[in-house]
Amino acid sequence: MHECIFCKIVSGQIPSPRVFEDEHVIAVRDINPQAPVHVLLLPKKHIASILDVRDSDSGLLGRIAGVAAQVARQEGIAERGFRLLTNTGPEGGQAVAHLHFHLLGGRRMGWPPG
């Protein structure tokens, strides 16, 4: 995990202003935003992707969903709507092998996604 950029953000080795933080999850602004609001929700526990989630991680995933709702309200996008997603694998667009969720909002989202 010592080479994982998100683990370095979680540990504070790479400074990144937090939008939210508790003992299990942090939320930071994406450095390459794809919407007016683009926040990354990261579990502090290193999990490579959604494929590596175990039954014992169900509480963590629930916590991430709750944090996403809280941050959406905080960012003023809850009422109009937003998108919460995770990319998995190279064809799914996963660029960092640390489970993370993108919270996107502040504009109309198209479907299907690009």
N, C-alpha and C. Protein backbone atom coordinates (compact mmCIF):
# COMPACT_ATOMS: atom_id res chain seq x y z
N MET A 1 0.81 -1.19 0.00
CA MET A 1 0.00 0.00 0.00
C MET A 1 0.85 1.27 0.00
N HIS A 2 2.17 1.12 0.24
CA HIS A 2 3.02 2.29 0.37
C HIS A 2 3.13 3.10 -0.92
N GLU A 3 2.76 2.53 -2.06
CA GLU A 3 2.81 3.25 -3.33
C GLU A 3 1.44 3.80 -3.74
N CYS A 4 0.41 3.50 -3.00
CA CYS A 4 -0.96 3.93 -3.35
C CYS A 4 -1.13 5.41 -3.05
N ILE A 5 -1.44 6.19 -4.07
CA ILE A 5 -1.60 7.64 -3.90
C ILE A 5 -2.73 7.97 -2.94
N PHE A 6 -3.82 7.20 -2.96
CA PHE A 6 -4.92 7.49 -2.05
C PHE A 6 -4.56 7.12 -0.61
N CYS A 7 -3.76 6.07 -0.41
CA CYS A 7 -3.29 5.77 0.94
C CYS A 7 -2.40 6.90 1.45
N LYS A 8 -1.62 7.51 0.56
CA LYS A 8 -0.78 8.64 0.94
C LYS A 8 -1.63 9.86 1.29
N ILE A 9 -2.74 10.06 0.60
CA ILE A 9 -3.66 11.15 0.95
C ILE A 9 -4.30 10.86 2.30
N VAL A 10 -4.76 9.63 2.51
CA VAL A 10 -5.37 9.24 3.78
C VAL A 10 -4.40 9.46 4.94
N SER A 11 -3.14 9.09 4.76
CA SER A 11 -2.15 9.20 5.84
C SER A 11 -1.65 10.62 6.05
N GLY A 12 -1.92 11.50 5.10
CA GLY A 12 -1.44 12.87 5.21
C GLY A 12 -0.09 13.09 4.55
N GLN A 13 0.52 12.04 3.97
CA GLN A 13 1.79 12.20 3.26
C GLN A 13 1.63 13.15 2.08
N ILE A 14 0.47 13.11 1.43
CA ILE A 14 0.14 14.04 0.36
C ILE A 14 -0.96 14.94 0.90
N PRO A 15 -0.66 16.22 1.08
CA PRO A 15 -1.68 17.12 1.62
C PRO A 15 -2.86 17.24 0.65
N SER A 16 -4.04 17.19 1.20
CA SER A 16 -5.25 17.34 0.41
C SER A 16 -6.35 17.84 1.34
N PRO A 17 -6.84 19.05 1.09
CA PRO A 17 -7.88 19.58 1.98
C PRO A 17 -9.10 18.67 2.00
N ARG A 18 -9.54 18.34 3.19
CA ARG A 18 -10.68 17.44 3.36
C ARG A 18 -11.99 18.22 3.30
N VAL A 19 -12.95 17.64 2.59
CA VAL A 19 -14.32 18.14 2.61
C VAL A 19 -15.03 17.51 3.81
N PHE A 20 -14.59 16.29 4.15
CA PHE A 20 -15.15 15.53 5.27
C PHE A 20 -14.08 14.54 5.72
N GLU A 21 -14.10 14.22 7.02
CA GLU A 21 -13.24 13.16 7.52
C GLU A 21 -13.80 12.62 8.83
N ASP A 22 -13.80 11.30 8.95
CA ASP A 22 -14.06 10.64 10.22
C ASP A 22 -13.07 9.48 10.35
N GLU A 23 -13.31 8.57 11.25
CA GLU A 23 -12.34 7.50 11.47
C GLU A 23 -12.29 6.46 10.35
N HIS A 24 -13.29 6.47 9.45
CA HIS A 24 -13.35 5.44 8.40
C HIS A 24 -13.28 5.98 6.98
N VAL A 25 -13.65 7.24 6.77
CA VAL A 25 -13.82 7.78 5.42
C VAL A 25 -13.26 9.20 5.36
N ILE A 26 -12.66 9.54 4.22
CA ILE A 26 -12.36 10.94 3.96
C ILE A 26 -12.98 11.31 2.61
N ALA A 27 -13.25 12.59 2.45
CA ALA A 27 -13.75 13.12 1.19
C ALA A 27 -12.89 14.31 0.81
N VAL A 28 -12.39 14.29 -0.42
CA VAL A 28 -11.53 15.35 -0.94
C VAL A 28 -12.03 15.76 -2.32
N ARG A 29 -11.71 16.98 -2.72
CA ARG A 29 -12.06 17.43 -4.06
C ARG A 29 -11.16 16.75 -5.08
N ASP A 30 -11.76 16.36 -6.21
CA ASP A 30 -10.99 15.75 -7.29
C ASP A 30 -10.10 16.82 -7.92
N ILE A 31 -8.85 16.48 -8.22
CA ILE A 31 -7.94 17.47 -8.80
C ILE A 31 -8.22 17.70 -10.29
N ASN A 32 -9.04 16.84 -10.89
CA ASN A 32 -9.43 16.98 -12.29
C ASN A 32 -10.95 16.90 -12.37
N PRO A 33 -11.65 17.92 -11.86
CA PRO A 33 -13.11 17.82 -11.73
C PRO A 33 -13.83 17.69 -13.08
N GLN A 34 -14.83 16.82 -13.07
CA GLN A 34 -15.66 16.57 -14.25
C GLN A 34 -17.04 17.20 -14.12
N ALA A 35 -17.25 17.94 -13.06
CA ALA A 35 -18.52 18.63 -12.79
C ALA A 35 -18.20 19.76 -11.82
N PRO A 36 -19.11 20.73 -11.70
CA PRO A 36 -18.86 21.81 -10.74
C PRO A 36 -18.57 21.31 -9.32
N VAL A 37 -19.23 20.24 -8.91
CA VAL A 37 -18.90 19.57 -7.65
C VAL A 37 -18.40 18.18 -8.02
N HIS A 38 -17.17 17.88 -7.63
CA HIS A 38 -16.59 16.56 -7.88
C HIS A 38 -15.73 16.21 -6.66
N VAL A 39 -16.30 15.38 -5.82
CA VAL A 39 -15.65 15.00 -4.57
C VAL A 39 -15.38 13.49 -4.61
N LEU A 40 -14.21 13.09 -4.14
CA LEU A 40 -13.86 11.68 -4.03
C LEU A 40 -14.07 11.24 -2.59
N LEU A 41 -14.77 10.13 -2.41
CA LEU A 41 -14.97 9.54 -1.09
C LEU A 41 -14.07 8.31 -1.01
N LEU A 42 -13.16 8.32 -0.05
CA LEU A 42 -12.16 7.26 0.08
C LEU A 42 -12.30 6.55 1.42
N PRO A 43 -12.39 5.22 1.40
CA PRO A 43 -12.28 4.53 2.70
C PRO A 43 -10.83 4.64 3.16
N LYS A 44 -10.63 4.80 4.44
CA LYS A 44 -9.27 4.85 4.97
C LYS A 44 -8.60 3.48 4.87
N LYS A 45 -9.40 2.45 4.91
CA LYS A 45 -8.88 1.08 4.74
C LYS A 45 -8.59 0.88 3.25
N HIS A 46 -7.42 0.35 2.96
CA HIS A 46 -7.09 0.08 1.56
C HIS A 46 -7.86 -1.14 1.07
N ILE A 47 -8.69 -0.91 0.08
CA ILE A 47 -9.40 -1.96 -0.66
C ILE A 47 -9.17 -1.62 -2.11
N ALA A 48 -8.65 -2.54 -2.90
CA ALA A 48 -8.25 -2.22 -4.27
C ALA A 48 -9.41 -1.79 -5.16
N SER A 49 -10.53 -2.49 -5.07
CA SER A 49 -11.69 -2.14 -5.91
C SER A 49 -12.94 -2.77 -5.29
N ILE A 50 -14.06 -2.50 -5.89
CA ILE A 50 -15.32 -3.07 -5.40
C ILE A 50 -15.27 -4.60 -5.45
N LEU A 51 -14.43 -5.15 -6.32
CA LEU A 51 -14.29 -6.61 -6.41
C LEU A 51 -13.61 -7.21 -5.18
N ASP A 52 -12.95 -6.36 -4.40
CA ASP A 52 -12.23 -6.83 -3.23
C ASP A 52 -12.97 -6.57 -1.92
N VAL A 53 -14.18 -6.07 -2.01
CA VAL A 53 -14.99 -5.83 -0.81
C VAL A 53 -15.41 -7.17 -0.22
N ARG A 54 -15.30 -7.29 1.08
CA ARG A 54 -15.69 -8.50 1.81
C ARG A 54 -16.98 -8.23 2.58
N ASP A 55 -17.64 -9.28 3.02
CA ASP A 55 -18.84 -9.12 3.84
C ASP A 55 -18.57 -8.24 5.05
N SER A 56 -17.39 -8.34 5.60
CA SER A 56 -17.04 -7.54 6.78
C SER A 56 -16.92 -6.05 6.47
N ASP A 57 -16.92 -5.69 5.19
CA ASP A 57 -16.84 -4.28 4.79
C ASP A 57 -18.20 -3.64 4.56
N SER A 58 -19.29 -4.37 4.82
CA SER A 58 -20.62 -3.83 4.52
C SER A 58 -20.91 -2.56 5.32
N GLY A 59 -20.48 -2.50 6.56
CA GLY A 59 -20.68 -1.29 7.36
C GLY A 59 -19.92 -0.11 6.79
N LEU A 60 -18.72 -0.36 6.28
CA LEU A 60 -17.93 0.70 5.66
C LEU A 60 -18.61 1.24 4.42
N LEU A 61 -19.16 0.36 3.60
CA LEU A 61 -19.87 0.82 2.40
C LEU A 61 -21.11 1.63 2.76
N GLY A 62 -21.80 1.20 3.80
CA GLY A 62 -22.94 1.97 4.28
C GLY A 62 -22.52 3.34 4.78
N ARG A 63 -21.39 3.39 5.47
CA ARG A 63 -20.87 4.67 5.96
C ARG A 63 -20.53 5.58 4.80
N ILE A 64 -19.91 5.05 3.75
CA ILE A 64 -19.57 5.85 2.57
C ILE A 64 -20.85 6.43 1.95
N ALA A 65 -21.90 5.63 1.85
CA ALA A 65 -23.17 6.13 1.30
C ALA A 65 -23.73 7.26 2.16
N GLY A 66 -23.67 7.10 3.47
CA GLY A 66 -24.14 8.15 4.36
C GLY A 66 -23.32 9.42 4.24
N VAL A 67 -22.00 9.28 4.11
CA VAL A 67 -21.13 10.44 3.94
C VAL A 67 -21.44 11.11 2.61
N ALA A 68 -21.69 10.33 1.56
CA ALA A 68 -22.03 10.91 0.26
C ALA A 68 -23.27 11.80 0.37
N ALA A 69 -24.28 11.33 1.08
CA ALA A 69 -25.50 12.13 1.26
C ALA A 69 -25.20 13.40 2.05
N GLN A 70 -24.39 13.27 3.10
CA GLN A 70 -24.03 14.43 3.92
C GLN A 70 -23.26 15.46 3.09
N VAL A 71 -22.28 15.00 2.31
CA VAL A 71 -21.48 15.92 1.50
C VAL A 71 -22.34 16.54 0.40
N ALA A 72 -23.25 15.77 -0.19
CA ALA A 72 -24.15 16.34 -1.21
C ALA A 72 -24.97 17.49 -0.62
N ARG A 73 -25.46 17.32 0.59
CA ARG A 73 -26.20 18.41 1.25
C ARG A 73 -25.28 19.59 1.52
N GLN A 74 -24.11 19.31 2.05
CA GLN A 74 -23.13 20.34 2.39
C GLN A 74 -22.73 21.15 1.15
N GLU A 75 -22.62 20.47 0.00
CA GLU A 75 -22.20 21.12 -1.24
C GLU A 75 -23.36 21.76 -2.01
N GLY A 76 -24.58 21.59 -1.51
CA GLY A 76 -25.74 22.23 -2.13
C GLY A 76 -26.26 21.54 -3.38
N ILE A 77 -25.98 20.24 -3.52
CA ILE A 77 -26.44 19.52 -4.72
C ILE A 77 -27.47 18.44 -4.41
N ALA A 78 -27.82 18.27 -3.15
CA ALA A 78 -28.71 17.17 -2.77
C ALA A 78 -30.09 17.32 -3.39
N GLU A 79 -30.65 18.50 -3.36
CA GLU A 79 -32.02 18.70 -3.84
C GLU A 79 -32.14 18.56 -5.35
N ARG A 80 -31.17 19.05 -6.09
CA ARG A 80 -31.23 19.01 -7.56
C ARG A 80 -30.82 17.65 -8.11
N GLY A 81 -30.00 16.94 -7.36
CA GLY A 81 -29.57 15.61 -7.79
C GLY A 81 -28.08 15.56 -8.05
N PHE A 82 -27.56 14.36 -8.02
CA PHE A 82 -26.13 14.13 -8.18
C PHE A 82 -25.92 12.69 -8.62
N ARG A 83 -24.68 12.38 -8.93
CA ARG A 83 -24.30 11.02 -9.30
C ARG A 83 -23.23 10.54 -8.34
N LEU A 84 -23.37 9.29 -7.89
CA LEU A 84 -22.37 8.64 -7.04
C LEU A 84 -21.96 7.36 -7.75
N LEU A 85 -20.67 7.22 -8.03
CA LEU A 85 -20.23 6.05 -8.78
C LEU A 85 -18.83 5.64 -8.39
N THR A 86 -18.53 4.38 -8.69
CA THR A 86 -17.17 3.87 -8.57
C THR A 86 -16.80 3.19 -9.88
N ASN A 87 -15.58 3.40 -10.30
CA ASN A 87 -15.07 2.76 -11.51
C ASN A 87 -14.29 1.52 -11.09
N THR A 88 -14.40 0.46 -11.88
CA THR A 88 -13.72 -0.79 -11.55
C THR A 88 -13.00 -1.33 -12.78
N GLY A 89 -11.70 -1.54 -12.63
CA GLY A 89 -10.89 -2.12 -13.70
C GLY A 89 -10.60 -1.14 -14.82
N PRO A 90 -9.71 -1.53 -15.73
CA PRO A 90 -9.28 -0.63 -16.79
C PRO A 90 -10.41 -0.21 -17.74
N GLU A 91 -11.27 -1.12 -18.13
CA GLU A 91 -12.36 -0.74 -19.03
C GLU A 91 -13.45 0.04 -18.30
N GLY A 92 -13.50 -0.08 -16.98
CA GLY A 92 -14.45 0.69 -16.19
C GLY A 92 -13.93 2.08 -15.85
N GLY A 93 -12.66 2.35 -16.20
CA GLY A 93 -12.09 3.66 -15.97
C GLY A 93 -11.40 3.84 -14.63
N GLN A 94 -11.12 2.76 -13.91
CA GLN A 94 -10.45 2.89 -12.61
C GLN A 94 -8.98 3.23 -12.84
N ALA A 95 -8.56 4.40 -12.36
CA ALA A 95 -7.19 4.87 -12.55
C ALA A 95 -6.31 4.62 -11.33
N VAL A 96 -6.91 4.49 -10.15
CA VAL A 96 -6.16 4.25 -8.91
C VAL A 96 -6.73 3.00 -8.25
N ALA A 97 -5.85 2.07 -7.91
CA ALA A 97 -6.28 0.80 -7.31
C ALA A 97 -6.51 0.96 -5.81
N HIS A 98 -7.46 1.83 -5.48
CA HIS A 98 -7.93 2.03 -4.11
C HIS A 98 -9.40 2.39 -4.28
N LEU A 99 -10.27 1.59 -3.72
CA LEU A 99 -11.70 1.83 -3.85
C LEU A 99 -12.01 3.29 -3.54
N HIS A 100 -12.75 3.93 -4.42
CA HIS A 100 -13.18 5.31 -4.18
C HIS A 100 -14.45 5.56 -4.97
N PHE A 101 -15.22 6.49 -4.48
CA PHE A 101 -16.48 6.85 -5.11
C PHE A 101 -16.42 8.31 -5.53
N HIS A 102 -16.93 8.59 -6.71
CA HIS A 102 -17.01 9.95 -7.23
C HIS A 102 -18.41 10.48 -6.92
N LEU A 103 -18.47 11.63 -6.29
CA LEU A 103 -19.72 12.35 -6.08
C LEU A 103 -19.69 13.54 -7.03
N LEU A 104 -20.58 13.52 -8.02
CA LEU A 104 -20.61 14.54 -9.07
C LEU A 104 -21.94 15.25 -9.06
N GLY A 105 -21.91 16.57 -9.19
CA GLY A 105 -23.15 17.32 -9.25
C GLY A 105 -22.91 18.75 -9.66
N GLY A 106 -24.00 19.51 -9.67
CA GLY A 106 -23.91 20.91 -10.06
C GLY A 106 -24.17 21.14 -11.52
N ARG A 107 -24.49 20.08 -12.26
CA ARG A 107 -24.88 20.17 -13.66
C ARG A 107 -25.70 18.94 -14.01
N ARG A 108 -26.42 19.00 -15.12
CA ARG A 108 -27.20 17.86 -15.58
C ARG A 108 -26.25 16.76 -16.05
N MET A 109 -26.50 15.56 -15.60
CA MET A 109 -25.70 14.40 -16.00
C MET A 109 -26.40 13.70 -17.16
N GLY A 110 -25.64 13.36 -18.17
CA GLY A 110 -26.20 12.65 -19.31
C GLY A 110 -26.24 11.15 -19.07
N TRP A 111 -27.10 10.48 -19.82
CA TRP A 111 -27.14 9.01 -19.79
C TRP A 111 -27.34 8.51 -21.19
N PRO A 112 -26.59 7.57 -21.64
CA PRO A 112 -25.55 6.89 -20.88
C PRO A 112 -24.33 7.80 -20.71
N PRO A 113 -23.52 7.50 -19.69
CA PRO A 113 -22.31 8.31 -19.52
C PRO A 113 -21.37 8.12 -20.71
N GLY A 114 -20.54 9.12 -20.95
CA GLY A 114 -19.62 9.12 -22.09
C GLY A 114 -18.84 7.92 -22.19
